[in-house]
Amino acid sequence: MKLAEVTGTVVASVKYEGLEAVKFLIVQPLDREQNPVGRQVVAADAVAMAGPGELVYIVESREAALACPVGFVPVDHAIVGIVDQVDRS
Protein backbone atom coordinates (compact mmCIF):
# COMPACT_ATOMS: atom_id res chain seq x y z
CA MET A 1 0.00 0.00 0.00
CA LYS A 2 1.09 3.56 -0.68
CA LEU A 3 -0.05 6.97 0.51
CA ALA A 4 -1.47 9.33 -2.10
CA GLU A 5 -3.36 12.60 -2.29
CA VAL A 6 -6.47 12.94 -4.43
CA THR A 7 -5.90 15.83 -6.84
CA GLY A 8 -8.82 15.55 -9.24
CA THR A 9 -11.60 13.53 -10.80
CA VAL A 10 -12.08 11.71 -14.08
CA VAL A 11 -15.40 11.59 -15.92
CA ALA A 12 -15.97 8.55 -18.11
CA SER A 13 -19.31 8.12 -19.84
CA VAL A 14 -18.53 4.60 -21.02
CA LYS A 15 -16.85 2.06 -18.73
CA TYR A 16 -15.84 -1.58 -18.80
CA GLU A 17 -18.48 -3.98 -17.48
CA GLY A 18 -18.15 -4.14 -13.70
CA LEU A 19 -16.85 -0.58 -13.38
CA GLU A 20 -20.13 1.25 -14.07
CA ALA A 21 -20.62 2.28 -10.42
CA VAL A 22 -16.93 2.98 -9.70
CA LYS A 23 -15.66 6.56 -9.52
CA PHE A 24 -12.21 7.36 -10.93
CA LEU A 25 -9.92 9.88 -9.25
CA ILE A 26 -6.51 11.36 -10.07
CA VAL A 27 -4.04 10.72 -7.25
CA GLN A 28 -0.48 11.85 -6.56
CA PRO A 29 1.59 9.10 -4.87
CA LEU A 30 3.51 10.29 -1.80
CA ASP A 31 6.60 9.16 0.11
CA ARG A 32 6.76 8.60 3.89
CA GLU A 33 7.15 12.35 4.48
CA GLN A 34 4.11 13.00 2.26
CA ASN A 35 6.18 14.54 -0.54
CA PRO A 36 5.11 13.85 -4.16
CA VAL A 37 6.78 10.84 -5.78
CA GLY A 38 6.55 10.12 -9.50
CA ARG A 39 3.65 11.02 -11.73
CA GLN A 40 -0.03 11.29 -10.96
CA VAL A 41 -2.15 8.23 -11.79
CA VAL A 42 -5.84 7.45 -12.17
CA ALA A 43 -7.21 5.21 -9.43
CA ALA A 44 -10.56 3.47 -9.05
CA ASP A 45 -12.26 4.58 -5.83
CA ALA A 46 -12.95 1.18 -4.24
CA VAL A 47 -14.17 2.83 -1.00
CA ALA A 48 -16.63 5.04 -2.92
CA MET A 49 -16.03 7.93 -0.52
CA ALA A 50 -12.75 9.65 -1.46
CA GLY A 51 -12.63 13.15 -2.88
CA PRO A 52 -10.22 15.90 -3.95
CA GLY A 53 -7.73 16.99 -1.30
CA GLU A 54 -8.02 13.82 0.77
CA LEU A 55 -5.11 11.66 1.87
CA VAL A 56 -5.76 8.05 0.84
CA TYR A 57 -3.92 4.79 0.54
CA ILE A 58 -3.77 2.94 -2.74
CA VAL A 59 -2.85 -0.48 -4.01
CA GLU A 60 -1.48 -1.35 -7.42
CA SER A 61 -1.58 -4.13 -9.94
CA ARG A 62 -3.46 -7.36 -9.12
CA GLU A 63 -4.47 -6.07 -5.69
CA ALA A 64 -6.13 -3.07 -7.36
CA ALA A 65 -8.06 -5.31 -9.72
CA LEU A 66 -9.38 -7.33 -6.78
CA ALA A 67 -10.28 -4.31 -4.60
CA CYS A 68 -13.24 -3.16 -6.69
CA PRO A 69 -16.83 -4.26 -5.97
CA VAL A 70 -16.73 -6.60 -8.97
CA GLY A 71 -13.50 -8.56 -8.65
CA PHE A 72 -10.73 -8.68 -11.20
CA VAL A 73 -11.61 -5.69 -13.37
CA PRO A 74 -8.95 -3.99 -15.55
CA VAL A 75 -7.57 -1.30 -13.20
CA ASP A 76 -3.94 -0.59 -12.28
CA HIS A 77 -4.56 1.46 -9.12
CA ALA A 78 -7.35 1.45 -6.54
CA ILE A 79 -8.08 3.57 -3.47
CA VAL A 80 -8.69 1.20 -0.57
CA GLY A 81 -8.83 3.59 2.37
CA ILE A 82 -9.06 7.19 3.52
CA VAL A 83 -6.35 8.27 5.97
CA ASP A 84 -7.55 10.02 9.13
CA GLN A 85 -4.14 10.61 10.69
CA VAL A 86 -0.46 9.86 10.12
CA ASP A 87 1.86 9.46 13.13
CA ARG A 88 5.55 9.04 12.26
CA SER A 89 6.89 8.73 15.80
PDB file of N, CA and C in Angstrom:
ATOM      1  N   MET A   1       0.834  -1.179   0.000  1.00  0.00           N
ATOM      2  CA  MET A   1       0.000   0.000   0.000  1.00  0.00           C
ATOM      3  C   MET A   1       0.877   1.240   0.000  1.00  0.00           C
ATOM      4  N   LYS A   2       0.369   2.292  -0.598  1.00  0.00           N
ATOM      5  CA  LYS A   2       1.088   3.558  -0.675  1.00  0.00           C
ATOM      6  C   LYS A   2       0.149   4.702  -0.319  1.00  0.00           C
ATOM      7  N   LEU A   3       0.724   5.755   0.269  1.00  0.00           N
ATOM      8  CA  LEU A   3      -0.050   6.965   0.508  1.00  0.00           C
ATOM      9  C   LEU A   3      -0.163   7.754  -0.785  1.00  0.00           C
ATOM     10  N   ALA A   4      -1.269   8.470  -0.934  1.00  0.00           N
ATOM     11  CA  ALA A   4      -1.470   9.326  -2.099  1.00  0.00           C
ATOM     12  C   ALA A   4      -2.453  10.431  -1.720  1.00  0.00           C
ATOM     13  N   GLU A   5      -2.402  11.520  -2.480  1.00  0.00           N
ATOM     14  CA  GLU A   5      -3.360  12.602  -2.294  1.00  0.00           C
ATOM     15  C   GLU A   5      -4.238  12.689  -3.530  1.00  0.00           C
ATOM     16  N   VAL A   6      -5.533  12.808  -3.316  1.00  0.00           N
ATOM     17  CA  VAL A   6      -6.472  12.944  -4.432  1.00  0.00           C
ATOM     18  C   VAL A   6      -6.373  14.370  -4.953  1.00  0.00           C
ATOM     19  N   THR A   7      -6.086  14.505  -6.252  1.00  0.00           N
ATOM     20  CA  THR A   7      -5.898  15.833  -6.844  1.00  0.00           C
ATOM     21  C   THR A   7      -6.974  16.199  -7.858  1.00  0.00           C
ATOM     22  N   GLY A   8      -7.800  15.246  -8.250  1.00  0.00           N
ATOM     23  CA  GLY A   8      -8.824  15.555  -9.239  1.00  0.00           C
ATOM     24  C   GLY A   8      -9.726  14.375  -9.512  1.00  0.00           C
ATOM     25  N   THR A   9     -10.651  14.576 -10.424  1.00  0.00           N
ATOM     26  CA  THR A   9     -11.599  13.528 -10.797  1.00  0.00           C
ATOM     27  C   THR A   9     -11.530  13.256 -12.293  1.00  0.00           C
ATOM     28  N   VAL A  10     -12.008  12.097 -12.672  1.00  0.00           N
ATOM     29  CA  VAL A  10     -12.075  11.706 -14.084  1.00  0.00           C
ATOM     30  C   VAL A  10     -13.523  11.378 -14.392  1.00  0.00           C
ATOM     31  N   VAL A  11     -14.036  11.902 -15.488  1.00  0.00           N
ATOM     32  CA  VAL A  11     -15.398  11.593 -15.919  1.00  0.00           C
ATOM     33  C   VAL A  11     -15.308  10.665 -17.120  1.00  0.00           C
ATOM     34  N   ALA A  12     -15.947   9.513 -17.007  1.00  0.00           N
ATOM     35  CA  ALA A  12     -15.966   8.548 -18.110  1.00  0.00           C
ATOM     36  C   ALA A  12     -17.410   8.141 -18.361  1.00  0.00           C
ATOM     37  N   SER A  13     -17.912   8.435 -19.537  1.00  0.00           N
ATOM     38  CA  SER A  13     -19.306   8.125 -19.839  1.00  0.00           C
ATOM     39  C   SER A  13     -19.506   6.661 -20.220  1.00  0.00           C
ATOM     40  N   VAL A  14     -18.453   6.014 -20.682  1.00  0.00           N
ATOM     41  CA  VAL A  14     -18.528   4.600 -21.022  1.00  0.00           C
ATOM     42  C   VAL A  14     -17.429   3.881 -20.241  1.00  0.00           C
ATOM     43  N   LYS A  15     -17.816   2.795 -19.548  1.00  0.00           N
ATOM     44  CA  LYS A  15     -16.850   2.055 -18.726  1.00  0.00           C
ATOM     45  C   LYS A  15     -16.958   0.567 -19.008  1.00  0.00           C
ATOM     46  N   TYR A  16     -15.889  -0.133 -18.687  1.00  0.00           N
ATOM     47  CA  TYR A  16     -15.839  -1.583 -18.796  1.00  0.00           C
ATOM     48  C   TYR A  16     -16.899  -2.189 -17.882  1.00  0.00           C
ATOM     49  N   GLU A  17     -17.475  -3.300 -18.297  1.00  0.00           N
ATOM     50  CA  GLU A  17     -18.477  -3.983 -17.479  1.00  0.00           C
ATOM     51  C   GLU A  17     -17.902  -4.316 -16.107  1.00  0.00           C
ATOM     52  N   GLY A  18     -18.616  -3.945 -15.068  1.00  0.00           N
ATOM     53  CA  GLY A  18     -18.153  -4.144 -13.704  1.00  0.00           C
ATOM     54  C   GLY A  18     -17.614  -2.877 -13.072  1.00  0.00           C
ATOM     55  N   LEU A  19     -17.364  -1.848 -13.900  1.00  0.00           N
ATOM     56  CA  LEU A  19     -16.854  -0.582 -13.379  1.00  0.00           C
ATOM     57  C   LEU A  19     -17.881   0.543 -13.475  1.00  0.00           C
ATOM     58  N   GLU A  20     -19.112   0.222 -13.856  1.00  0.00           N
ATOM     59  CA  GLU A  20     -20.126   1.249 -14.069  1.00  0.00           C
ATOM     60  C   GLU A  20     -20.354   2.119 -12.825  1.00  0.00           C
ATOM     61  N   ALA A  21     -20.327   1.538 -11.652  1.00  0.00           N
ATOM     62  CA  ALA A  21     -20.622   2.282 -10.422  1.00  0.00           C
ATOM     63  C   ALA A  21     -19.362   2.798  -9.725  1.00  0.00           C
ATOM     64  N   VAL A  22     -18.198   2.597 -10.329  1.00  0.00           N
ATOM     65  CA  VAL A  22     -16.932   2.978  -9.699  1.00  0.00           C
ATOM     66  C   VAL A  22     -16.504   4.364 -10.174  1.00  0.00           C
ATOM     67  N   LYS A  23     -16.149   5.212  -9.214  1.00  0.00           N
ATOM     68  CA  LYS A  23     -15.661   6.563  -9.516  1.00  0.00           C
ATOM     69  C   LYS A  23     -14.151   6.486  -9.746  1.00  0.00           C
ATOM     70  N   PHE A  24     -13.635   7.294 -10.670  1.00  0.00           N
ATOM     71  CA  PHE A  24     -12.208   7.356 -10.934  1.00  0.00           C
ATOM     72  C   PHE A  24     -11.655   8.701 -10.481  1.00  0.00           C
ATOM     73  N   LEU A  25     -10.530   8.668  -9.782  1.00  0.00           N
ATOM     74  CA  LEU A  25      -9.916   9.882  -9.247  1.00  0.00           C
ATOM     75  C   LEU A  25      -8.446   9.947  -9.659  1.00  0.00           C
ATOM     76  N   ILE A  26      -7.939  11.159  -9.797  1.00  0.00           N
ATOM     77  CA  ILE A  26      -6.514  11.359 -10.067  1.00  0.00           C
ATOM     78  C   ILE A  26      -5.822  11.479  -8.715  1.00  0.00           C
ATOM     79  N   VAL A  27      -4.764  10.693  -8.522  1.00  0.00           N
ATOM     80  CA  VAL A  27      -4.039  10.716  -7.252  1.00  0.00           C
ATOM     81  C   VAL A  27      -2.552  10.944  -7.491  1.00  0.00           C
ATOM     82  N   GLN A  28      -1.923  11.617  -6.542  1.00  0.00           N
ATOM     83  CA  GLN A  28      -0.482  11.845  -6.557  1.00  0.00           C
ATOM     84  C   GLN A  28       0.142  10.960  -5.486  1.00  0.00           C
ATOM     85  N   PRO A  29       0.911   9.924  -5.867  1.00  0.00           N
ATOM     86  CA  PRO A  29       1.592   9.099  -4.871  1.00  0.00           C
ATOM     87  C   PRO A  29       2.549   9.943  -4.022  1.00  0.00           C
ATOM     88  N   LEU A  30       2.680   9.552  -2.754  1.00  0.00           N
ATOM     89  CA  LEU A  30       3.513  10.290  -1.801  1.00  0.00           C
ATOM     90  C   LEU A  30       4.516   9.360  -1.130  1.00  0.00           C
ATOM     91  N   ASP A  31       5.632   9.948  -0.663  1.00  0.00           N
ATOM     92  CA  ASP A  31       6.602   9.162   0.109  1.00  0.00           C
ATOM     93  C   ASP A  31       6.211   9.199   1.591  1.00  0.00           C
ATOM     94  N   ARG A  32       7.071   8.672   2.452  1.00  0.00           N
ATOM     95  CA  ARG A  32       6.763   8.602   3.889  1.00  0.00           C
ATOM     96  C   ARG A  32       6.599   9.975   4.532  1.00  0.00           C
ATOM     97  N   GLU A  33       7.247  10.988   3.955  1.00  0.00           N
ATOM     98  CA  GLU A  33       7.150  12.353   4.480  1.00  0.00           C
ATOM     99  C   GLU A  33       6.033  13.135   3.786  1.00  0.00           C
ATOM    100  N   GLN A  34       5.232  12.451   3.004  1.00  0.00           N
ATOM    101  CA  GLN A  34       4.107  13.001   2.256  1.00  0.00           C
ATOM    102  C   GLN A  34       4.532  14.005   1.185  1.00  0.00           C
ATOM    103  N   ASN A  35       5.707  13.764   0.599  1.00  0.00           N
ATOM    104  CA  ASN A  35       6.182  14.540  -0.542  1.00  0.00           C
ATOM    105  C   ASN A  35       5.811  13.791  -1.825  1.00  0.00           C
ATOM    106  N   PRO A  36       5.463  14.509  -2.902  1.00  0.00           N
ATOM    107  CA  PRO A  36       5.106  13.850  -4.158  1.00  0.00           C
ATOM    108  C   PRO A  36       6.233  12.961  -4.691  1.00  0.00           C
ATOM    109  N   VAL A  37       5.838  11.795  -5.200  1.00  0.00           N
ATOM    110  CA  VAL A  37       6.780  10.844  -5.783  1.00  0.00           C
ATOM    111  C   VAL A  37       6.223  10.400  -7.124  1.00  0.00           C
ATOM    112  N   GLY A  38       6.982  10.574  -8.179  1.00  0.00           N
ATOM    113  CA  GLY A  38       6.548  10.119  -9.496  1.00  0.00           C
ATOM    114  C   GLY A  38       5.400  10.936 -10.059  1.00  0.00           C
ATOM    115  N   ARG A  39       4.718  10.339 -11.010  1.00  0.00           N
ATOM    116  CA  ARG A  39       3.645  11.017 -11.734  1.00  0.00           C
ATOM    117  C   ARG A  39       2.286  10.689 -11.122  1.00  0.00           C
ATOM    118  N   GLN A  40       1.333  11.550 -11.384  1.00  0.00           N
ATOM    119  CA  GLN A  40      -0.032  11.291 -10.960  1.00  0.00           C
ATOM    120  C   GLN A  40      -0.596  10.123 -11.757  1.00  0.00           C
ATOM    121  N   VAL A  41      -1.517   9.377 -11.135  1.00  0.00           N
ATOM    122  CA  VAL A  41      -2.150   8.233 -11.790  1.00  0.00           C
ATOM    123  C   VAL A  41      -3.656   8.303 -11.559  1.00  0.00           C
ATOM    124  N   VAL A  42      -4.388   7.567 -12.363  1.00  0.00           N
ATOM    125  CA  VAL A  42      -5.835   7.445 -12.172  1.00  0.00           C
ATOM    126  C   VAL A  42      -6.079   6.190 -11.346  1.00  0.00           C
ATOM    127  N   ALA A  43      -6.907   6.338 -10.305  1.00  0.00           N
ATOM    128  CA  ALA A  43      -7.210   5.207  -9.428  1.00  0.00           C
ATOM    129  C   ALA A  43      -8.716   5.025  -9.310  1.00  0.00           C
ATOM    130  N   ALA A  44      -9.150   3.783  -9.294  1.00  0.00           N
ATOM    131  CA  ALA A  44     -10.556   3.474  -9.047  1.00  0.00           C
ATOM    132  C   ALA A  44     -10.819   3.669  -7.559  1.00  0.00           C
ATOM    133  N   ASP A  45     -11.916   4.312  -7.227  1.00  0.00           N
ATOM    134  CA  ASP A  45     -12.256   4.575  -5.829  1.00  0.00           C
ATOM    135  C   ASP A  45     -13.035   3.395  -5.260  1.00  0.00           C
ATOM    136  N   ALA A  46     -12.320   2.399  -4.756  1.00  0.00           N
ATOM    137  CA  ALA A  46     -12.947   1.183  -4.242  1.00  0.00           C
ATOM    138  C   ALA A  46     -13.715   1.428  -2.947  1.00  0.00           C
ATOM    139  N   VAL A  47     -13.434   2.515  -2.233  1.00  0.00           N
ATOM    140  CA  VAL A  47     -14.168   2.826  -1.002  1.00  0.00           C
ATOM    141  C   VAL A  47     -15.394   3.680  -1.278  1.00  0.00           C
ATOM    142  N   ALA A  48     -15.493   4.229  -2.483  1.00  0.00           N
ATOM    143  CA  ALA A  48     -16.632   5.039  -2.921  1.00  0.00           C
ATOM    144  C   ALA A  48     -16.892   6.245  -2.028  1.00  0.00           C
ATOM    145  N   MET A  49     -15.845   6.798  -1.417  1.00  0.00           N
ATOM    146  CA  MET A  49     -16.033   7.932  -0.516  1.00  0.00           C
ATOM    147  C   MET A  49     -14.929   8.975  -0.631  1.00  0.00           C
ATOM    148  N   ALA A  50     -13.881   8.719  -1.386  1.00  0.00           N
ATOM    149  CA  ALA A  50     -12.749   9.646  -1.457  1.00  0.00           C
ATOM    150  C   ALA A  50     -13.090  10.837  -2.347  1.00  0.00           C
ATOM    151  N   GLY A  51     -12.401  11.956  -2.075  1.00  0.00           N
ATOM    152  CA  GLY A  51     -12.627  13.150  -2.876  1.00  0.00           C
ATOM    153  C   GLY A  51     -11.386  14.008  -2.943  1.00  0.00           C
ATOM    154  N   PRO A  52     -11.387  15.033  -3.784  1.00  0.00           N
ATOM    155  CA  PRO A  52     -10.225  15.903  -3.952  1.00  0.00           C
ATOM    156  C   PRO A  52      -9.714  16.473  -2.632  1.00  0.00           C
ATOM    157  N   GLY A  53      -8.382  16.462  -2.491  1.00  0.00           N
ATOM    158  CA  GLY A  53      -7.727  16.993  -1.301  1.00  0.00           C
ATOM    159  C   GLY A  53      -7.537  15.986  -0.188  1.00  0.00           C
ATOM    160  N   GLU A  54      -8.127  14.806  -0.299  1.00  0.00           N
ATOM    161  CA  GLU A  54      -8.019  13.823   0.774  1.00  0.00           C
ATOM    162  C   GLU A  54      -6.754  12.991   0.648  1.00  0.00           C
ATOM    163  N   LEU A  55      -6.246  12.576   1.797  1.00  0.00           N
ATOM    164  CA  LEU A  55      -5.113  11.657   1.873  1.00  0.00           C
ATOM    165  C   LEU A  55      -5.691  10.247   1.897  1.00  0.00           C
ATOM    166  N   VAL A  56      -5.224   9.406   0.980  1.00  0.00           N
ATOM    167  CA  VAL A  56      -5.761   8.054   0.843  1.00  0.00           C
ATOM    168  C   VAL A  56      -4.608   7.060   0.776  1.00  0.00           C
ATOM    169  N   TYR A  57      -4.935   5.775   0.875  1.00  0.00           N
ATOM    170  CA  TYR A  57      -3.919   4.795   0.537  1.00  0.00           C
ATOM    171  C   TYR A  57      -4.419   3.955  -0.620  1.00  0.00           C
ATOM    172  N   ILE A  58      -3.456   3.624  -1.485  1.00  0.00           N
ATOM    173  CA  ILE A  58      -3.772   2.944  -2.740  1.00  0.00           C
ATOM    174  C   ILE A  58      -3.010   1.635  -2.836  1.00  0.00           C
ATOM    175  N   VAL A  59      -3.546   0.750  -3.649  1.00  0.00           N
ATOM    176  CA  VAL A  59      -2.845  -0.477  -4.007  1.00  0.00           C
ATOM    177  C   VAL A  59      -2.695  -0.492  -5.517  1.00  0.00           C
ATOM    178  N   GLU A  60      -1.763  -1.295  -5.992  1.00  0.00           N
ATOM    179  CA  GLU A  60      -1.476  -1.354  -7.425  1.00  0.00           C
ATOM    180  C   GLU A  60      -1.609  -2.775  -7.943  1.00  0.00           C
ATOM    181  N   SER A  61      -1.672  -2.880  -9.227  1.00  0.00           N
ATOM    182  CA  SER A  61      -1.576  -4.132  -9.943  1.00  0.00           C
ATOM    183  C   SER A  61      -2.735  -5.089  -9.617  1.00  0.00           C
ATOM    184  N   ARG A  62      -2.432  -6.345  -9.373  1.00  0.00           N
ATOM    185  CA  ARG A  62      -3.458  -7.363  -9.125  1.00  0.00           C
ATOM    186  C   ARG A  62      -4.334  -7.007  -7.927  1.00  0.00           C
ATOM    187  N   GLU A  63      -3.711  -6.456  -6.879  1.00  0.00           N
ATOM    188  CA  GLU A  63      -4.471  -6.073  -5.691  1.00  0.00           C
ATOM    189  C   GLU A  63      -5.528  -5.021  -6.039  1.00  0.00           C
ATOM    190  N   ALA A  64      -5.183  -4.097  -6.934  1.00  0.00           N
ATOM    191  CA  ALA A  64      -6.134  -3.069  -7.356  1.00  0.00           C
ATOM    192  C   ALA A  64      -7.305  -3.704  -8.103  1.00  0.00           C
ATOM    193  N   ALA A  65      -7.016  -4.653  -8.956  1.00  0.00           N
ATOM    194  CA  ALA A  65      -8.065  -5.315  -9.724  1.00  0.00           C
ATOM    195  C   ALA A  65      -9.026  -6.088  -8.825  1.00  0.00           C
ATOM    196  N   LEU A  66      -8.544  -6.563  -7.702  1.00  0.00           N
ATOM    197  CA  LEU A  66      -9.382  -7.333  -6.778  1.00  0.00           C
ATOM    198  C   LEU A  66     -10.106  -6.455  -5.760  1.00  0.00           C
ATOM    199  N   ALA A  67      -9.708  -5.195  -5.627  1.00  0.00           N
ATOM    200  CA  ALA A  67     -10.277  -4.310  -4.600  1.00  0.00           C
ATOM    201  C   ALA A  67     -11.640  -3.740  -4.973  1.00  0.00           C
ATOM    202  N   CYS A  68     -11.983  -3.751  -6.228  1.00  0.00           N
ATOM    203  CA  CYS A  68     -13.239  -3.155  -6.687  1.00  0.00           C
ATOM    204  C   CYS A  68     -14.426  -4.055  -6.351  1.00  0.00           C
ATOM    205  N   PRO A  69     -15.641  -3.481  -6.317  1.00  0.00           N
ATOM    206  CA  PRO A  69     -16.828  -4.263  -5.972  1.00  0.00           C
ATOM    207  C   PRO A  69     -17.007  -5.526  -6.815  1.00  0.00           C
ATOM    208  N   VAL A  70     -16.738  -5.421  -8.107  1.00  0.00           N
ATOM    209  CA  VAL A  70     -16.732  -6.598  -8.970  1.00  0.00           C
ATOM    210  C   VAL A  70     -15.276  -6.984  -9.140  1.00  0.00           C
ATOM    211  N   GLY A  71     -14.901  -8.161  -8.674  1.00  0.00           N
ATOM    212  CA  GLY A  71     -13.500  -8.562  -8.652  1.00  0.00           C
ATOM    213  C   GLY A  71     -12.866  -8.740 -10.009  1.00  0.00           C
ATOM    214  N   PHE A  72     -11.589  -8.477 -10.053  1.00  0.00           N
ATOM    215  CA  PHE A  72     -10.725  -8.684 -11.204  1.00  0.00           C
ATOM    216  C   PHE A  72     -11.146  -7.899 -12.430  1.00  0.00           C
ATOM    217  N   VAL A  73     -11.332  -6.600 -12.256  1.00  0.00           N
ATOM    218  CA  VAL A  73     -11.608  -5.693 -13.369  1.00  0.00           C
ATOM    219  C   VAL A  73     -10.289  -5.060 -13.811  1.00  0.00           C
ATOM    220  N   PRO A  74     -10.221  -4.502 -15.025  1.00  0.00           N
ATOM    221  CA  PRO A  74      -8.950  -3.991 -15.548  1.00  0.00           C
ATOM    222  C   PRO A  74      -8.582  -2.597 -15.009  1.00  0.00           C
ATOM    223  N   VAL A  75      -8.071  -2.555 -13.779  1.00  0.00           N
ATOM    224  CA  VAL A  75      -7.568  -1.305 -13.204  1.00  0.00           C
ATOM    225  C   VAL A  75      -6.144  -1.533 -12.700  1.00  0.00           C
ATOM    226  N   ASP A  76      -5.320  -0.495 -12.757  1.00  0.00           N
ATOM    227  CA  ASP A  76      -3.935  -0.587 -12.283  1.00  0.00           C
ATOM    228  C   ASP A  76      -3.750  -0.057 -10.870  1.00  0.00           C
ATOM    229  N   HIS A  77      -4.645   0.860 -10.447  1.00  0.00           N
ATOM    230  CA  HIS A  77      -4.559   1.458  -9.115  1.00  0.00           C
ATOM    231  C   HIS A  77      -5.955   1.550  -8.518  1.00  0.00           C
ATOM    232  N   ALA A  78      -6.061   1.325  -7.214  1.00  0.00           N
ATOM    233  CA  ALA A  78      -7.350   1.449  -6.537  1.00  0.00           C
ATOM    234  C   ALA A  78      -7.146   2.090  -5.167  1.00  0.00           C
ATOM    235  N   ILE A  79      -8.070   2.965  -4.809  1.00  0.00           N
ATOM    236  CA  ILE A  79      -8.082   3.569  -3.473  1.00  0.00           C
ATOM    237  C   ILE A  79      -8.793   2.592  -2.556  1.00  0.00           C
ATOM    238  N   VAL A  80      -8.102   2.184  -1.472  1.00  0.00           N
ATOM    239  CA  VAL A  80      -8.688   1.201  -0.566  1.00  0.00           C
ATOM    240  C   VAL A  80      -8.914   1.750   0.839  1.00  0.00           C
ATOM    241  N   GLY A  81      -8.573   3.007   1.067  1.00  0.00           N
ATOM    242  CA  GLY A  81      -8.828   3.593   2.373  1.00  0.00           C
ATOM    243  C   GLY A  81      -8.592   5.086   2.376  1.00  0.00           C
ATOM    244  N   ILE A  82      -9.252   5.758   3.305  1.00  0.00           N
ATOM    245  CA  ILE A  82      -9.063   7.187   3.522  1.00  0.00           C
ATOM    246  C   ILE A  82      -8.309   7.346   4.834  1.00  0.00           C
ATOM    247  N   VAL A  83      -7.222   8.112   4.803  1.00  0.00           N
ATOM    248  CA  VAL A  83      -6.351   8.266   5.972  1.00  0.00           C
ATOM    249  C   VAL A  83      -6.913   9.365   6.876  1.00  0.00           C
ATOM    250  N   ASP A  84      -7.094   9.036   8.144  1.00  0.00           N
ATOM    251  CA  ASP A  84      -7.554  10.019   9.130  1.00  0.00           C
ATOM    252  C   ASP A  84      -6.384  10.753   9.768  1.00  0.00           C
ATOM    253  N   GLN A  85      -5.280  10.022   9.997  1.00  0.00           N
ATOM    254  CA  GLN A  85      -4.143  10.607  10.691  1.00  0.00           C
ATOM    255  C   GLN A  85      -2.885   9.806  10.378  1.00  0.00           C
ATOM    256  N   VAL A  86      -1.750  10.517  10.312  1.00  0.00           N
ATOM    257  CA  VAL A  86      -0.461   9.859  10.125  1.00  0.00           C
ATOM    258  C   VAL A  86       0.412  10.233  11.304  1.00  0.00           C
ATOM    259  N   ASP A  87       0.976   9.236  11.985  1.00  0.00           N
ATOM    260  CA  ASP A  87       1.862   9.459  13.126  1.00  0.00           C
ATOM    261  C   ASP A  87       3.183   8.789  12.809  1.00  0.00           C
ATOM    262  N   ARG A  88       4.232   9.583  12.624  1.00  0.00           N
ATOM    263  CA  ARG A  88       5.552   9.037  12.256  1.00  0.00           C
ATOM    264  C   ARG A  88       6.492   8.968  13.442  1.00  0.00           C
ATOM    265  N   SER A  89       5.993   8.769  14.634  1.00  0.00           N
ATOM    266  CA  SER A  89       6.886   8.732  15.801  1.00  0.00           C
ATOM    267  C   SER A  89       7.517   7.376  15.995  1.00  0.00           C
TER     268      SER A  89
END
